[in-house]
Amino acid sequence: MVDKEICLGCGACVNMCPVGAIKFDENGKAEIDPNICIKCGTCEGVCPVSAITIKKD
């Protein structure tokens, strides 16, 4: 999940996602496609403002 209130739109997560599950929405904020995401946590670790939280099932 991306907290769009604090997402900077810097692209760090987009560049690091190993499966291409993250894109920018119409406002330039990160958006994770749950159908592609493998919940590896890479994006969560690289986000400079901790805007991403991955909930492991």
C-alpha atoms as a PDB file:
ATOM      1  CA  MET A   1       0.000   0.000   0.000  1.00  0.00           C
ATOM      2  CA  VAL A   2       1.240   3.490  -0.860  1.00  0.00           C
ATOM      3  CA  ASP A   3       0.455   6.446   1.374  1.00  0.00           C
ATOM      4  CA  LYS A   4      -0.109   8.981  -1.382  1.00  0.00           C
ATOM      5  CA  GLU A   5      -0.124  11.842   1.112  1.00  0.00           C
ATOM      6  CA  ILE A   6       3.602  11.397   1.735  1.00  0.00           C
ATOM      7  CA  CYS A   7       4.764   9.775  -1.525  1.00  0.00           C
ATOM      8  CA  LEU A   8       7.241  12.105  -3.241  1.00  0.00           C
ATOM      9  CA  GLY A   9       6.932  10.486  -6.652  1.00  0.00           C
ATOM     10  CA  CYS A  10      10.716  10.110  -6.700  1.00  0.00           C
ATOM     11  CA  GLY A  11      10.615   6.782  -8.553  1.00  0.00           C
ATOM     12  CA  ALA A  12      12.993   4.875  -6.275  1.00  0.00           C
ATOM     13  CA  CYS A  13      10.430   2.101  -5.813  1.00  0.00           C
ATOM     14  CA  VAL A  14       9.549   1.997  -9.513  1.00  0.00           C
ATOM     15  CA  ASN A  15      13.201   1.556 -10.447  1.00  0.00           C
ATOM     16  CA  MET A  16      13.838  -1.180  -7.866  1.00  0.00           C
ATOM     17  CA  CYS A  17      10.721  -3.346  -8.259  1.00  0.00           C
ATOM     18  CA  PRO A  18      11.937  -6.678  -9.681  1.00  0.00           C
ATOM     19  CA  VAL A  19       8.585  -7.490 -11.315  1.00  0.00           C
ATOM     20  CA  GLY A  20       7.458  -4.077 -12.569  1.00  0.00           C
ATOM     21  CA  ALA A  21       4.455  -3.900 -10.266  1.00  0.00           C
ATOM     22  CA  ILE A  22       4.771  -0.172  -9.533  1.00  0.00           C
ATOM     23  CA  LYS A  23       3.727   2.634 -11.832  1.00  0.00           C
ATOM     24  CA  PHE A  24       2.899   6.305 -11.370  1.00  0.00           C
ATOM     25  CA  ASP A  25      -0.743   7.357 -11.167  1.00  0.00           C
ATOM     26  CA  GLU A  26      -2.180  10.459 -12.857  1.00  0.00           C
ATOM     27  CA  ASN A  27      -0.872  12.598  -9.976  1.00  0.00           C
ATOM     28  CA  GLY A  28       2.701  11.318 -10.192  1.00  0.00           C
ATOM     29  CA  LYS A  29       2.389   9.141  -7.098  1.00  0.00           C
ATOM     30  CA  ALA A  30       3.445   5.499  -6.878  1.00  0.00           C
ATOM     31  CA  GLU A  31       0.766   2.853  -7.326  1.00  0.00           C
ATOM     32  CA  ILE A  32       1.289  -0.878  -6.767  1.00  0.00           C
ATOM     33  CA  ASP A  33      -0.560  -3.406  -8.905  1.00  0.00           C
ATOM     34  CA  PRO A  34      -1.571  -6.150  -6.443  1.00  0.00           C
ATOM     35  CA  ASN A  35      -1.934  -8.650  -9.295  1.00  0.00           C
ATOM     36  CA  ILE A  36       1.755  -8.336 -10.148  1.00  0.00           C
ATOM     37  CA  CYS A  37       3.323  -7.572  -6.738  1.00  0.00           C
ATOM     38  CA  ILE A  38       5.180 -10.513  -5.165  1.00  0.00           C
ATOM     39  CA  LYS A  39       5.424  -8.773  -1.759  1.00  0.00           C
ATOM     40  CA  CYS A  40       9.213  -8.960  -1.657  1.00  0.00           C
ATOM     41  CA  GLY A  41       9.466  -5.677   0.284  1.00  0.00           C
ATOM     42  CA  THR A  42      12.136  -4.105  -1.920  1.00  0.00           C
ATOM     43  CA  CYS A  43      10.046  -0.986  -2.543  1.00  0.00           C
ATOM     44  CA  GLU A  44       9.317  -0.605   1.139  1.00  0.00           C
ATOM     45  CA  GLY A  45      13.031  -0.634   1.881  1.00  0.00           C
ATOM     46  CA  VAL A  46      14.052   1.923  -0.747  1.00  0.00           C
ATOM     47  CA  CYS A  47      11.302   4.491  -0.168  1.00  0.00           C
ATOM     48  CA  PRO A  48      13.030   7.543   1.347  1.00  0.00           C
ATOM     49  CA  VAL A  49       9.894   8.693   3.194  1.00  0.00           C
ATOM     50  CA  SER A  50       8.457   5.277   4.207  1.00  0.00           C
ATOM     51  CA  ALA A  51       5.334   5.800   2.109  1.00  0.00           C
ATOM     52  CA  ILE A  52       5.054   2.094   1.256  1.00  0.00           C
ATOM     53  CA  THR A  53       3.831  -0.666   3.533  1.00  0.00           C
ATOM     54  CA  ILE A  54       3.745  -4.231   2.276  1.00  0.00           C
ATOM     55  CA  LYS A  55       1.265  -6.465   4.058  1.00  0.00           C
ATOM     56  CA  LYS A  56       2.423 -10.038   3.894  1.00  0.00           C
ATOM     57  CA  ASP A  57      -0.486 -12.488   3.851  1.00  0.00           C
END
